[in-house]
Amino acid sequence: MPSRVPQGCADAASFFQSTIQKCLEELLSKPLLVWIDEFLLFARDASTYLSKLEKLLELLDFIGSKLTAKMSSLFEREVRWCGKLISGEGVHHDPKRVKALQAMPYRQTGGEMQQFHCATT
């Protein structure tokens, strides 16, 4: 398995996404969501969370990957992830993101409209 993905290639992000999903498929969708290099691990209680975290770290170690401590947070009740606020209450749009999108000027050209569309999805 390759240990690096060339940056700048058109398919680098999708290749990385599919590779990491294959490597972590045992945990995927049950207690783990993955978007490129962003992981969201969740559980109903602390003991389940710790066992799933241990499994995630084992899988990452097995494939030769690691997490950055200062980019990680544990035992959060609410997280901002991929432009959404996620908690035990559900998934909601991030009010800061919504406010920023509302403050954007109206689009005048097709290119500007496409840029706005990409920013909102």
PDB file of N, CA and C in Angstrom:
ATOM      1  N   MET A   1       0.846  -1.174   0.000  1.00  0.00           N
ATOM      2  CA  MET A   1       0.000   0.000   0.000  1.00  0.00           C
ATOM      3  C   MET A   1       0.892   1.237   0.000  1.00  0.00           C
ATOM      4  N   PRO A   2       0.557   2.222  -0.845  1.00  0.00           N
ATOM      5  CA  PRO A   2       1.365   3.444  -0.864  1.00  0.00           C
ATOM      6  C   PRO A   2       1.319   4.162   0.483  1.00  0.00           C
ATOM      7  N   SER A   3       2.417   4.802   0.828  1.00  0.00           N
ATOM      8  CA  SER A   3       2.454   5.520   2.103  1.00  0.00           C
ATOM      9  C   SER A   3       2.324   7.029   1.916  1.00  0.00           C
ATOM     10  N   ARG A   4       2.299   7.490   0.678  1.00  0.00           N
ATOM     11  CA  ARG A   4       2.162   8.918   0.388  1.00  0.00           C
ATOM     12  C   ARG A   4       1.211   9.096  -0.793  1.00  0.00           C
ATOM     13  N   VAL A   5       0.541  10.238  -0.799  1.00  0.00           N
ATOM     14  CA  VAL A   5      -0.319  10.604  -1.920  1.00  0.00           C
ATOM     15  C   VAL A   5       0.262  11.872  -2.524  1.00  0.00           C
ATOM     16  N   PRO A   6       0.568  11.868  -3.833  1.00  0.00           N
ATOM     17  CA  PRO A   6       1.114  13.078  -4.447  1.00  0.00           C
ATOM     18  C   PRO A   6       0.123  14.234  -4.337  1.00  0.00           C
ATOM     19  N   GLN A   7       0.582  15.371  -3.862  1.00  0.00           N
ATOM     20  CA  GLN A   7      -0.280  16.542  -3.736  1.00  0.00           C
ATOM     21  C   GLN A   7      -0.408  17.226  -5.091  1.00  0.00           C
ATOM     22  N   GLY A   8      -1.573  17.765  -5.343  1.00  0.00           N
ATOM     23  CA  GLY A   8      -1.802  18.477  -6.590  1.00  0.00           C
ATOM     24  C   GLY A   8      -2.445  17.620  -7.659  1.00  0.00           C
ATOM     25  N   CYS A   9      -2.432  16.308  -7.496  1.00  0.00           N
ATOM     26  CA  CYS A   9      -3.098  15.439  -8.466  1.00  0.00           C
ATOM     27  C   CYS A   9      -4.605  15.634  -8.339  1.00  0.00           C
ATOM     28  N   ALA A  10      -5.287  15.577  -9.453  1.00  0.00           N
ATOM     29  CA  ALA A  10      -6.736  15.821  -9.451  1.00  0.00           C
ATOM     30  C   ALA A  10      -7.483  14.840  -8.559  1.00  0.00           C
ATOM     31  N   ASP A  11      -7.033  13.610  -8.486  1.00  0.00           N
ATOM     32  CA  ASP A  11      -7.746  12.587  -7.726  1.00  0.00           C
ATOM     33  C   ASP A  11      -7.114  12.278  -6.371  1.00  0.00           C
ATOM     34  N   ALA A  12      -6.171  13.079  -5.908  1.00  0.00           N
ATOM     35  CA  ALA A  12      -5.465  12.775  -4.660  1.00  0.00           C
ATOM     36  C   ALA A  12      -6.410  12.698  -3.468  1.00  0.00           C
ATOM     37  N   ALA A  13      -7.310  13.655  -3.342  1.00  0.00           N
ATOM     38  CA  ALA A  13      -8.226  13.669  -2.190  1.00  0.00           C
ATOM     39  C   ALA A  13      -9.177  12.482  -2.221  1.00  0.00           C
ATOM     40  N   SER A  14      -9.735  12.175  -3.391  1.00  0.00           N
ATOM     41  CA  SER A  14     -10.665  11.044  -3.467  1.00  0.00           C
ATOM     42  C   SER A  14      -9.930   9.719  -3.266  1.00  0.00           C
ATOM     43  N   PHE A  15      -8.689   9.623  -3.746  1.00  0.00           N
ATOM     44  CA  PHE A  15      -7.906   8.411  -3.516  1.00  0.00           C
ATOM     45  C   PHE A  15      -7.640   8.230  -2.025  1.00  0.00           C
ATOM     46  N   PHE A  16      -7.229   9.305  -1.363  1.00  0.00           N
ATOM     47  CA  PHE A  16      -6.964   9.232   0.072  1.00  0.00           C
ATOM     48  C   PHE A  16      -8.229   8.855   0.825  1.00  0.00           C
ATOM     49  N   GLN A  17      -9.357   9.495   0.474  1.00  0.00           N
ATOM     50  CA  GLN A  17     -10.635   9.211   1.136  1.00  0.00           C
ATOM     51  C   GLN A  17     -10.997   7.736   0.996  1.00  0.00           C
ATOM     52  N   SER A  18     -10.922   7.185  -0.212  1.00  0.00           N
ATOM     53  CA  SER A  18     -11.300   5.780  -0.407  1.00  0.00           C
ATOM     54  C   SER A  18     -10.333   4.840   0.296  1.00  0.00           C
ATOM     55  N   THR A  19      -9.047   5.175   0.310  1.00  0.00           N
ATOM     56  CA  THR A  19      -8.058   4.326   0.979  1.00  0.00           C
ATOM     57  C   THR A  19      -8.273   4.308   2.485  1.00  0.00           C
ATOM     58  N   ILE A  20      -8.492   5.470   3.079  1.00  0.00           N
ATOM     59  CA  ILE A  20      -8.685   5.519   4.535  1.00  0.00           C
ATOM     60  C   ILE A  20      -9.988   4.833   4.918  1.00  0.00           C
ATOM     61  N   GLN A  21     -11.012   4.928   4.067  1.00  0.00           N
ATOM     62  CA  GLN A  21     -12.269   4.239   4.355  1.00  0.00           C
ATOM     63  C   GLN A  21     -12.084   2.723   4.331  1.00  0.00           C
ATOM     64  N   LYS A  22     -11.295   2.223   3.391  1.00  0.00           N
ATOM     65  CA  LYS A  22     -11.029   0.779   3.347  1.00  0.00           C
ATOM     66  C   LYS A  22     -10.263   0.335   4.587  1.00  0.00           C
ATOM     67  N   CYS A  23      -9.296   1.138   5.003  1.00  0.00           N
ATOM     68  CA  CYS A  23      -8.484   0.779   6.166  1.00  0.00           C
ATOM     69  C   CYS A  23      -9.282   0.807   7.462  1.00  0.00           C
ATOM     70  N   LEU A  24     -10.261   1.692   7.541  1.00  0.00           N
ATOM     71  CA  LEU A  24     -11.017   1.870   8.785  1.00  0.00           C
ATOM     72  C   LEU A  24     -12.447   1.353   8.686  1.00  0.00           C
ATOM     73  N   GLU A  25     -12.727   0.504   7.679  1.00  0.00           N
ATOM     74  CA  GLU A  25     -14.110   0.074   7.448  1.00  0.00           C
ATOM     75  C   GLU A  25     -14.732  -0.651   8.640  1.00  0.00           C
ATOM     76  N   GLU A  26     -13.924  -1.253   9.471  1.00  0.00           N
ATOM     77  CA  GLU A  26     -14.429  -1.952  10.656  1.00  0.00           C
ATOM     78  C   GLU A  26     -15.168  -0.998  11.602  1.00  0.00           C
ATOM     79  N   LEU A  27     -14.724   0.250  11.663  1.00  0.00           N
ATOM     80  CA  LEU A  27     -15.339   1.238  12.555  1.00  0.00           C
ATOM     81  C   LEU A  27     -16.274   2.211  11.832  1.00  0.00           C
ATOM     82  N   LEU A  28     -16.185   2.245  10.512  1.00  0.00           N
ATOM     83  CA  LEU A  28     -16.910   3.260   9.759  1.00  0.00           C
ATOM     84  C   LEU A  28     -18.411   3.207   9.941  1.00  0.00           C
ATOM     85  N   SER A  29     -19.011   4.357  10.047  1.00  0.00           N
ATOM     86  CA  SER A  29     -20.454   4.587  10.169  1.00  0.00           C
ATOM     87  C   SER A  29     -21.032   4.143  11.504  1.00  0.00           C
ATOM     88  N   LYS A  30     -20.386   3.226  12.182  1.00  0.00           N
ATOM     89  CA  LYS A  30     -20.907   2.817  13.486  1.00  0.00           C
ATOM     90  C   LYS A  30     -20.452   3.844  14.512  1.00  0.00           C
ATOM     91  N   PRO A  31     -19.172   3.839  14.912  1.00  0.00           N
ATOM     92  CA  PRO A  31     -18.755   4.914  15.809  1.00  0.00           C
ATOM     93  C   PRO A  31     -17.814   5.922  15.150  1.00  0.00           C
ATOM     94  N   LEU A  32     -17.653   5.871  13.806  1.00  0.00           N
ATOM     95  CA  LEU A  32     -16.637   6.717  13.185  1.00  0.00           C
ATOM     96  C   LEU A  32     -17.121   7.284  11.858  1.00  0.00           C
ATOM     97  N   LEU A  33     -16.932   8.591  11.686  1.00  0.00           N
ATOM     98  CA  LEU A  33     -17.161   9.249  10.408  1.00  0.00           C
ATOM     99  C   LEU A  33     -15.822   9.788   9.931  1.00  0.00           C
ATOM    100  N   VAL A  34     -15.588   9.709   8.624  1.00  0.00           N
ATOM    101  CA  VAL A  34     -14.315  10.160   8.061  1.00  0.00           C
ATOM    102  C   VAL A  34     -14.584  11.072   6.869  1.00  0.00           C
ATOM    103  N   TRP A  35     -13.906  12.214   6.837  1.00  0.00           N
ATOM    104  CA  TRP A  35     -13.916  13.086   5.668  1.00  0.00           C
ATOM    105  C   TRP A  35     -12.474  13.497   5.416  1.00  0.00           C
ATOM    106  N   ILE A  36     -11.894  12.926   4.371  1.00  0.00           N
ATOM    107  CA  ILE A  36     -10.493  13.101   4.005  1.00  0.00           C
ATOM    108  C   ILE A  36      -9.612  12.754   5.216  1.00  0.00           C
ATOM    109  N   ASP A  37      -9.063  13.755   5.909  1.00  0.00           N
ATOM    110  CA  ASP A  37      -8.210  13.461   7.072  1.00  0.00           C
ATOM    111  C   ASP A  37      -8.841  13.940   8.377  1.00  0.00           C
ATOM    112  N   GLU A  38     -10.147  14.089   8.375  1.00  0.00           N
ATOM    113  CA  GLU A  38     -10.888  14.490   9.580  1.00  0.00           C
ATOM    114  C   GLU A  38     -11.676  13.291  10.094  1.00  0.00           C
ATOM    115  N   PHE A  39     -11.482  12.934  11.350  1.00  0.00           N
ATOM    116  CA  PHE A  39     -12.191  11.803  11.956  1.00  0.00           C
ATOM    117  C   PHE A  39     -13.132  12.304  13.037  1.00  0.00           C
ATOM    118  N   LEU A  40     -14.300  11.697  13.116  1.00  0.00           N
ATOM    119  CA  LEU A  40     -15.247  11.990  14.191  1.00  0.00           C
ATOM    120  C   LEU A  40     -15.658  10.659  14.803  1.00  0.00           C
ATOM    121  N   LEU A  41     -15.180  10.406  16.013  1.00  0.00           N
ATOM    122  CA  LEU A  41     -15.474   9.175  16.747  1.00  0.00           C
ATOM    123  C   LEU A  41     -16.518   9.495  17.801  1.00  0.00           C
ATOM    124  N   PHE A  42     -17.557   8.676  17.885  1.00  0.00           N
ATOM    125  CA  PHE A  42     -18.624   8.960  18.848  1.00  0.00           C
ATOM    126  C   PHE A  42     -19.099   7.685  19.524  1.00  0.00           C
ATOM    127  N   ALA A  43     -19.698   7.834  20.709  1.00  0.00           N
ATOM    128  CA  ALA A  43     -20.234   6.704  21.474  1.00  0.00           C
ATOM    129  C   ALA A  43     -21.232   7.230  22.497  1.00  0.00           C
ATOM    130  N   ARG A  44     -22.047   6.321  23.038  1.00  0.00           N
ATOM    131  CA  ARG A  44     -23.064   6.704  24.024  1.00  0.00           C
ATOM    132  C   ARG A  44     -22.487   6.932  25.418  1.00  0.00           C
ATOM    133  N   ASP A  45     -21.379   6.236  25.725  1.00  0.00           N
ATOM    134  CA  ASP A  45     -20.802   6.373  27.067  1.00  0.00           C
ATOM    135  C   ASP A  45     -19.279   6.329  26.988  1.00  0.00           C
ATOM    136  N   ALA A  46     -18.637   6.708  28.085  1.00  0.00           N
ATOM    137  CA  ALA A  46     -17.176   6.841  28.120  1.00  0.00           C
ATOM    138  C   ALA A  46     -16.454   5.521  27.895  1.00  0.00           C
ATOM    139  N   SER A  47     -16.940   4.434  28.475  1.00  0.00           N
ATOM    140  CA  SER A  47     -16.229   3.156  28.319  1.00  0.00           C
ATOM    141  C   SER A  47     -16.284   2.671  26.871  1.00  0.00           C
ATOM    142  N   THR A  48     -17.427   2.831  26.219  1.00  0.00           N
ATOM    143  CA  THR A  48     -17.535   2.454  24.805  1.00  0.00           C
ATOM    144  C   THR A  48     -16.636   3.344  23.960  1.00  0.00           C
ATOM    145  N   TYR A  49     -16.637   4.631  24.270  1.00  0.00           N
ATOM    146  CA  TYR A  49     -15.797   5.585  23.547  1.00  0.00           C
ATOM    147  C   TYR A  49     -14.326   5.193  23.653  1.00  0.00           C
ATOM    148  N   LEU A  50     -13.882   4.865  24.851  1.00  0.00           N
ATOM    149  CA  LEU A  50     -12.478   4.490  25.048  1.00  0.00           C
ATOM    150  C   LEU A  50     -12.114   3.222  24.295  1.00  0.00           C
ATOM    151  N   SER A  51     -13.002   2.234  24.279  1.00  0.00           N
ATOM    152  CA  SER A  51     -12.694   1.000  23.548  1.00  0.00           C
ATOM    153  C   SER A  51     -12.654   1.257  22.041  1.00  0.00           C
ATOM    154  N   LYS A  52     -13.553   2.103  21.533  1.00  0.00           N
ATOM    155  CA  LYS A  52     -13.541   2.439  20.102  1.00  0.00           C
ATOM    156  C   LYS A  52     -12.318   3.289  19.754  1.00  0.00           C
ATOM    157  N   LEU A  53     -11.934   4.185  20.656  1.00  0.00           N
ATOM    158  CA  LEU A  53     -10.738   4.992  20.440  1.00  0.00           C
ATOM    159  C   LEU A  53      -9.500   4.103  20.382  1.00  0.00           C
ATOM    160  N   GLU A  54      -9.435   3.133  21.277  1.00  0.00           N
ATOM    161  CA  GLU A  54      -8.307   2.196  21.269  1.00  0.00           C
ATOM    162  C   GLU A  54      -8.254   1.439  19.945  1.00  0.00           C
ATOM    163  N   LYS A  55      -9.406   0.992  19.459  1.00  0.00           N
ATOM    164  CA  LYS A  55      -9.465   0.271  18.183  1.00  0.00           C
ATOM    165  C   LYS A  55      -9.029   1.181  17.037  1.00  0.00           C
ATOM    166  N   LEU A  56      -9.487   2.432  17.039  1.00  0.00           N
ATOM    167  CA  LEU A  56      -9.090   3.382  15.998  1.00  0.00           C
ATOM    168  C   LEU A  56      -7.580   3.588  16.007  1.00  0.00           C
ATOM    169  N   LEU A  57      -7.009   3.788  17.179  1.00  0.00           N
ATOM    170  CA  LEU A  57      -5.560   3.993  17.277  1.00  0.00           C
ATOM    171  C   LEU A  57      -4.786   2.760  16.827  1.00  0.00           C
ATOM    172  N   GLU A  58      -5.296   1.572  17.133  1.00  0.00           N
ATOM    173  CA  GLU A  58      -4.658   0.334  16.663  1.00  0.00           C
ATOM    174  C   GLU A  58      -4.679   0.265  15.142  1.00  0.00           C
ATOM    175  N   LEU A  59      -5.829   0.570  14.536  1.00  0.00           N
ATOM    176  CA  LEU A  59      -5.936   0.532  13.075  1.00  0.00           C
ATOM    177  C   LEU A  59      -5.029   1.570  12.426  1.00  0.00           C
ATOM    178  N   LEU A  60      -4.984   2.764  12.984  1.00  0.00           N
ATOM    179  CA  LEU A  60      -4.107   3.798  12.434  1.00  0.00           C
ATOM    180  C   LEU A  60      -2.642   3.401  12.564  1.00  0.00           C
ATOM    181  N   ASP A  61      -2.278   2.806  13.691  1.00  0.00           N
ATOM    182  CA  ASP A  61      -0.911   2.329  13.885  1.00  0.00           C
ATOM    183  C   ASP A  61      -0.585   1.231  12.876  1.00  0.00           C
ATOM    184  N   PHE A  62      -1.538   0.345  12.628  1.00  0.00           N
ATOM    185  CA  PHE A  62      -1.342  -0.760  11.691  1.00  0.00           C
ATOM    186  C   PHE A  62      -1.052  -0.251  10.279  1.00  0.00           C
ATOM    187  N   ILE A  63      -1.730   0.826   9.873  1.00  0.00           N
ATOM    188  CA  ILE A  63      -1.502   1.350   8.522  1.00  0.00           C
ATOM    189  C   ILE A  63      -0.391   2.400   8.494  1.00  0.00           C
ATOM    190  N   GLY A  64       0.238   2.638   9.654  1.00  0.00           N
ATOM    191  CA  GLY A  64       1.368   3.567   9.708  1.00  0.00           C
ATOM    192  C   GLY A  64       0.958   5.027   9.740  1.00  0.00           C
ATOM    193  N   SER A  65      -0.225   5.296  10.258  1.00  0.00           N
ATOM    194  CA  SER A  65      -0.699   6.671  10.359  1.00  0.00           C
ATOM    195  C   SER A  65      -0.802   7.069  11.826  1.00  0.00           C
ATOM    196  N   LYS A  66      -0.958   8.360  12.064  1.00  0.00           N
ATOM    197  CA  LYS A  66      -1.062   8.822  13.446  1.00  0.00           C
ATOM    198  C   LYS A  66      -1.908  10.086  13.494  1.00  0.00           C
ATOM    199  N   LEU A  67      -2.352  10.430  14.695  1.00  0.00           N
ATOM    200  CA  LEU A  67      -3.127  11.642  14.914  1.00  0.00           C
ATOM    201  C   LEU A  67      -2.232  12.711  15.515  1.00  0.00           C
ATOM    202  N   THR A  68      -2.571  13.955  15.298  1.00  0.00           N
ATOM    203  CA  THR A  68      -1.845  15.069  15.891  1.00  0.00           C
ATOM    204  C   THR A  68      -2.579  15.500  17.150  1.00  0.00           C
ATOM    205  N   ALA A  69      -1.900  15.460  18.286  1.00  0.00           N
ATOM    206  CA  ALA A  69      -2.540  15.752  19.572  1.00  0.00           C
ATOM    207  C   ALA A  69      -3.156  17.148  19.614  1.00  0.00           C
ATOM    208  N   LYS A  70      -2.442  18.161  19.121  1.00  0.00           N
ATOM    209  CA  LYS A  70      -2.990  19.515  19.227  1.00  0.00           C
ATOM    210  C   LYS A  70      -4.134  19.765  18.244  1.00  0.00           C
ATOM    211  N   MET A  71      -4.329  18.878  17.287  1.00  0.00           N
ATOM    212  CA  MET A  71      -5.455  18.997  16.356  1.00  0.00           C
ATOM    213  C   MET A  71      -6.619  18.111  16.786  1.00  0.00           C
ATOM    214  N   SER A  72      -6.466  17.410  17.900  1.00  0.00           N
ATOM    215  CA  SER A  72      -7.475  16.455  18.359  1.00  0.00           C
ATOM    216  C   SER A  72      -8.144  16.947  19.630  1.00  0.00           C
ATOM    217  N   SER A  73      -9.368  16.507  19.829  1.00  0.00           N
ATOM    218  CA  SER A  73     -10.054  16.761  21.099  1.00  0.00           C
ATOM    219  C   SER A  73     -10.865  15.520  21.445  1.00  0.00           C
ATOM    220  N   LEU A  74     -10.939  15.231  22.737  1.00  0.00           N
ATOM    221  CA  LEU A  74     -11.615  14.025  23.212  1.00  0.00           C
ATOM    222  C   LEU A  74     -12.756  14.395  24.148  1.00  0.00           C
ATOM    223  N   PHE A  75     -13.745  13.534  24.207  1.00  0.00           N
ATOM    224  CA  PHE A  75     -14.880  13.658  25.131  1.00  0.00           C
ATOM    225  C   PHE A  75     -15.648  14.977  24.981  1.00  0.00           C
ATOM    226  N   GLU A  76     -15.790  15.446  23.769  1.00  0.00           N
ATOM    227  CA  GLU A  76     -16.557  16.667  23.517  1.00  0.00           C
ATOM    228  C   GLU A  76     -18.040  16.322  23.403  1.00  0.00           C
ATOM    229  N   ARG A  77     -18.893  17.139  23.955  1.00  0.00           N
ATOM    230  CA  ARG A  77     -20.348  16.936  23.861  1.00  0.00           C
ATOM    231  C   ARG A  77     -20.906  17.508  22.557  1.00  0.00           C
ATOM    232  N   GLU A  78     -20.206  18.502  22.010  1.00  0.00           N
ATOM    233  CA  GLU A  78     -20.605  19.108  20.740  1.00  0.00           C
ATOM    234  C   GLU A  78     -19.342  19.450  19.973  1.00  0.00           C
ATOM    235  N   VAL A  79     -19.338  19.161  18.671  1.00  0.00           N
ATOM    236  CA  VAL A  79     -18.169  19.466  17.847  1.00  0.00           C
ATOM    237  C   VAL A  79     -18.606  20.195  16.586  1.00  0.00           C
ATOM    238  N   ARG A  80     -17.704  21.002  16.076  1.00  0.00           N
ATOM    239  CA  ARG A  80     -17.880  21.652  14.784  1.00  0.00           C
ATOM    240  C   ARG A  80     -17.071  20.802  13.810  1.00  0.00           C
ATOM    241  N   TRP A  81     -17.762  20.139  12.876  1.00  0.00           N
ATOM    242  CA  TRP A  81     -17.092  19.197  11.983  1.00  0.00           C
ATOM    243  C   TRP A  81     -17.657  19.347  10.579  1.00  0.00           C
ATOM    244  N   CYS A  82     -16.801  19.616   9.629  1.00  0.00           N
ATOM    245  CA  CYS A  82     -17.193  19.746   8.222  1.00  0.00           C
ATOM    246  C   CYS A  82     -18.329  20.751   8.034  1.00  0.00           C
ATOM    247  N   GLY A  83     -18.249  21.866   8.745  1.00  0.00           N
ATOM    248  CA  GLY A  83     -19.239  22.918   8.593  1.00  0.00           C
ATOM    249  C   GLY A  83     -20.553  22.689   9.308  1.00  0.00           C
ATOM    250  N   LYS A  84     -20.616  21.670  10.134  1.00  0.00           N
ATOM    251  CA  LYS A  84     -21.838  21.358  10.875  1.00  0.00           C
ATOM    252  C   LYS A  84     -21.527  21.299  12.368  1.00  0.00           C
ATOM    253  N   LEU A  85     -22.559  21.532  13.184  1.00  0.00           N
ATOM    254  CA  LEU A  85     -22.460  21.318  14.625  1.00  0.00           C
ATOM    255  C   LEU A  85     -23.105  19.972  14.916  1.00  0.00           C
ATOM    256  N   ILE A  86     -22.352  19.080  15.539  1.00  0.00           N
ATOM    257  CA  ILE A  86     -22.832  17.731  15.799  1.00  0.00           C
ATOM    258  C   ILE A  86     -22.802  17.483  17.298  1.00  0.00           C
ATOM    259  N   SER A  87     -23.929  16.973  17.820  1.00  0.00           N
ATOM    260  CA  SER A  87     -24.028  16.665  19.251  1.00  0.00           C
ATOM    261  C   SER A  87     -25.020  15.524  19.426  1.00  0.00           C
ATOM    262  N   GLY A  88     -25.281  15.180  20.668  1.00  0.00           N
ATOM    263  CA  GLY A  88     -26.286  14.167  20.955  1.00  0.00           C
ATOM    264  C   GLY A  88     -27.677  14.602  20.536  1.00  0.00           C
ATOM    265  N   GLU A  89     -27.858  15.901  20.338  1.00  0.00           N
ATOM    266  CA  GLU A  89     -29.148  16.454  19.905  1.00  0.00           C
ATOM    267  C   GLU A  89     -29.362  16.290  18.404  1.00  0.00           C
ATOM    268  N   GLY A  90     -28.285  16.041  17.665  1.00  0.00           N
ATOM    269  CA  GLY A  90     -28.398  15.893  16.218  1.00  0.00           C
ATOM    270  C   GLY A  90     -27.353  16.709  15.480  1.00  0.00           C
ATOM    271  N   VAL A  91     -27.613  16.924  14.189  1.00  0.00           N
ATOM    272  CA  VAL A  91     -26.704  17.657  13.316  1.00  0.00           C
ATOM    273  C   VAL A  91     -27.384  18.965  12.906  1.00  0.00           C
ATOM    274  N   HIS A  92     -26.654  20.071  13.051  1.00  0.00           N
ATOM    275  CA  HIS A  92     -27.202  21.386  12.725  1.00  0.00           C
ATOM    276  C   HIS A  92     -26.174  22.179  11.926  1.00  0.00           C
ATOM    277  N   HIS A  93     -26.658  23.126  11.140  1.00  0.00           N
ATOM    278  CA  HIS A  93     -25.747  24.024  10.438  1.00  0.00           C
ATOM    279  C   HIS A  93     -25.044  24.907  11.457  1.00  0.00           C
ATOM    280  N   ASP A  94     -23.793  25.194  11.210  1.00  0.00           N
ATOM    281  CA  ASP A  94     -23.010  26.078  12.066  1.00  0.00           C
ATOM    282  C   ASP A  94     -23.498  27.514  11.848  1.00  0.00           C
ATOM    283  N   PRO A  95     -24.022  28.173  12.890  1.00  0.00           N
ATOM    284  CA  PRO A  95     -24.529  29.541  12.728  1.00  0.00           C
ATOM    285  C   PRO A  95     -23.485  30.518  12.177  1.00  0.00           C
ATOM    286  N   LYS A  96     -22.216  30.337  12.527  1.00  0.00           N
ATOM    287  CA  LYS A  96     -21.161  31.215  12.004  1.00  0.00           C
ATOM    288  C   LYS A  96     -21.054  31.078  10.489  1.00  0.00           C
ATOM    289  N   ARG A  97     -21.137  29.851  10.010  1.00  0.00           N
ATOM    290  CA  ARG A  97     -21.056  29.596   8.567  1.00  0.00           C
ATOM    291  C   ARG A  97     -22.274  30.177   7.847  1.00  0.00           C
ATOM    292  N   VAL A  98     -23.453  29.978   8.423  1.00  0.00           N
ATOM    293  CA  VAL A  98     -24.679  30.513   7.822  1.00  0.00           C
ATOM    294  C   VAL A  98     -24.601  32.036   7.741  1.00  0.00           C
ATOM    295  N   LYS A  99     -24.147  32.666   8.819  1.00  0.00           N
ATOM    296  CA  LYS A  99     -24.031  34.126   8.851  1.00  0.00           C
ATOM    297  C   LYS A  99     -23.045  34.617   7.788  1.00  0.00           C
ATOM    298  N   ALA A 100     -21.927  33.924   7.643  1.00  0.00           N
ATOM    299  CA  ALA A 100     -20.929  34.305   6.637  1.00  0.00           C
ATOM    300  C   ALA A 100     -21.497  34.172   5.226  1.00  0.00           C
ATOM    301  N   LEU A 101     -22.261  33.117   4.973  1.00  0.00           N
ATOM    302  CA  LEU A 101     -22.864  32.936   3.651  1.00  0.00           C
ATOM    303  C   LEU A 101     -23.914  34.008   3.379  1.00  0.00           C
ATOM    304  N   GLN A 102     -24.676  34.375   4.393  1.00  0.00           N
ATOM    305  CA  GLN A 102     -25.689  35.416   4.225  1.00  0.00           C
ATOM    306  C   GLN A 102     -25.057  36.781   3.967  1.00  0.00           C
ATOM    307  N   ALA A 103     -23.872  36.992   4.485  1.00  0.00           N
ATOM    308  CA  ALA A 103     -23.185  38.274   4.310  1.00  0.00           C
ATOM    309  C   ALA A 103     -22.512  38.406   2.947  1.00  0.00           C
ATOM    310  N   MET A 104     -22.424  37.320   2.201  1.00  0.00           N
ATOM    311  CA  MET A 104     -21.782  37.376   0.891  1.00  0.00           C
ATOM    312  C   MET A 104     -22.623  38.223  -0.062  1.00  0.00           C
ATOM    313  N   PRO A 105     -21.972  38.992  -0.927  1.00  0.00           N
ATOM    314  CA  PRO A 105     -22.728  39.812  -1.883  1.00  0.00           C
ATOM    315  C   PRO A 105     -23.440  38.931  -2.918  1.00  0.00           C
ATOM    316  N   TYR A 106     -24.491  39.478  -3.523  1.00  0.00           N
ATOM    317  CA  TYR A 106     -25.216  38.743  -4.554  1.00  0.00           C
ATOM    318  C   TYR A 106     -24.300  38.454  -5.731  1.00  0.00           C
ATOM    319  N   ARG A 107     -24.501  37.333  -6.352  1.00  0.00           N
ATOM    320  CA  ARG A 107     -23.683  36.904  -7.477  1.00  0.00           C
ATOM    321  C   ARG A 107     -24.195  37.521  -8.770  1.00  0.00           C
ATOM    322  N   GLN A 108     -23.266  37.902  -9.640  1.00  0.00           N
ATOM    323  CA  GLN A 108     -23.628  38.568 -10.891  1.00  0.00           C
ATOM    324  C   GLN A 108     -23.394  37.691 -12.118  1.00  0.00           C
ATOM    325  N   THR A 109     -22.445  36.752 -12.025  1.00  0.00           N
ATOM    326  CA  THR A 109     -22.106  35.928 -13.192  1.00  0.00           C
ATOM    327  C   THR A 109     -22.282  34.454 -12.858  1.00  0.00           C
ATOM    328  N   GLY A 110     -22.260  33.643 -13.900  1.00  0.00           N
ATOM    329  CA  GLY A 110     -22.361  32.197 -13.705  1.00  0.00           C
ATOM    330  C   GLY A 110     -21.201  31.653 -12.891  1.00  0.00           C
ATOM    331  N   GLY A 111     -19.999  32.184 -13.124  1.00  0.00           N
ATOM    332  CA  GLY A 111     -18.824  31.748 -12.375  1.00  0.00           C
ATOM    333  C   GLY A 111     -18.938  32.069 -10.894  1.00  0.00           C
ATOM    334  N   GLU A 112     -19.459  33.264 -10.598  1.00  0.00           N
ATOM    335  CA  GLU A 112     -19.660  33.643  -9.198  1.00  0.00           C
ATOM    336  C   GLU A 112     -20.729  32.774  -8.548  1.00  0.00           C
ATOM    337  N   MET A 113     -21.764  32.433  -9.324  1.00  0.00           N
ATOM    338  CA  MET A 113     -22.822  31.570  -8.796  1.00  0.00           C
ATOM    339  C   MET A 113     -22.275  30.175  -8.494  1.00  0.00           C
ATOM    340  N   GLN A 114     -21.416  29.675  -9.377  1.00  0.00           N
ATOM    341  CA  GLN A 114     -20.802  28.367  -9.148  1.00  0.00           C
ATOM    342  C   GLN A 114     -19.926  28.411  -7.896  1.00  0.00           C
ATOM    343  N   GLN A 115     -19.188  29.483  -7.718  1.00  0.00           N
ATOM    344  CA  GLN A 115     -18.349  29.633  -6.525  1.00  0.00           C
ATOM    345  C   GLN A 115     -19.208  29.615  -5.260  1.00  0.00           C
ATOM    346  N   PHE A 116     -20.337  30.325  -5.286  1.00  0.00           N
ATOM    347  CA  PHE A 116     -21.243  30.346  -4.141  1.00  0.00           C
ATOM    348  C   PHE A 116     -21.812  28.954  -3.882  1.00  0.00           C
ATOM    349  N   HIS A 117     -22.200  28.269  -4.943  1.00  0.00           N
ATOM    350  CA  HIS A 117     -22.752  26.915  -4.801  1.00  0.00           C
ATOM    351  C   HIS A 117     -21.731  25.985  -4.144  1.00  0.00           C
ATOM    352  N   CYS A 118     -20.486  26.058  -4.579  1.00  0.00           N
ATOM    353  CA  CYS A 118     -19.439  25.211  -3.992  1.00  0.00           C
ATOM    354  C   CYS A 118     -19.207  25.561  -2.526  1.00  0.00           C
ATOM    355  N   ALA A 119     -19.339  26.826  -2.171  1.00  0.00           N
ATOM    356  CA  ALA A 119     -19.135  27.242  -0.781  1.00  0.00           C
ATOM    357  C   ALA A 119     -20.249  26.754   0.124  1.00  0.00           C
ATOM    358  N   THR A 120     -21.437  26.556  -0.426  1.00  0.00           N
ATOM    359  CA  THR A 120     -22.584  26.178   0.404  1.00  0.00           C
ATOM    360  C   THR A 120     -22.778  24.681   0.522  1.00  0.00           C
ATOM    361  N   THR A 121     -22.086  23.902  -0.268  1.00  0.00           N
ATOM    362  CA  THR A 121     -22.273  22.443  -0.194  1.00  0.00           C
ATOM    363  C   THR A 121     -21.104  21.769   0.460  1.00  0.00           C
TER     364      THR A 121
END
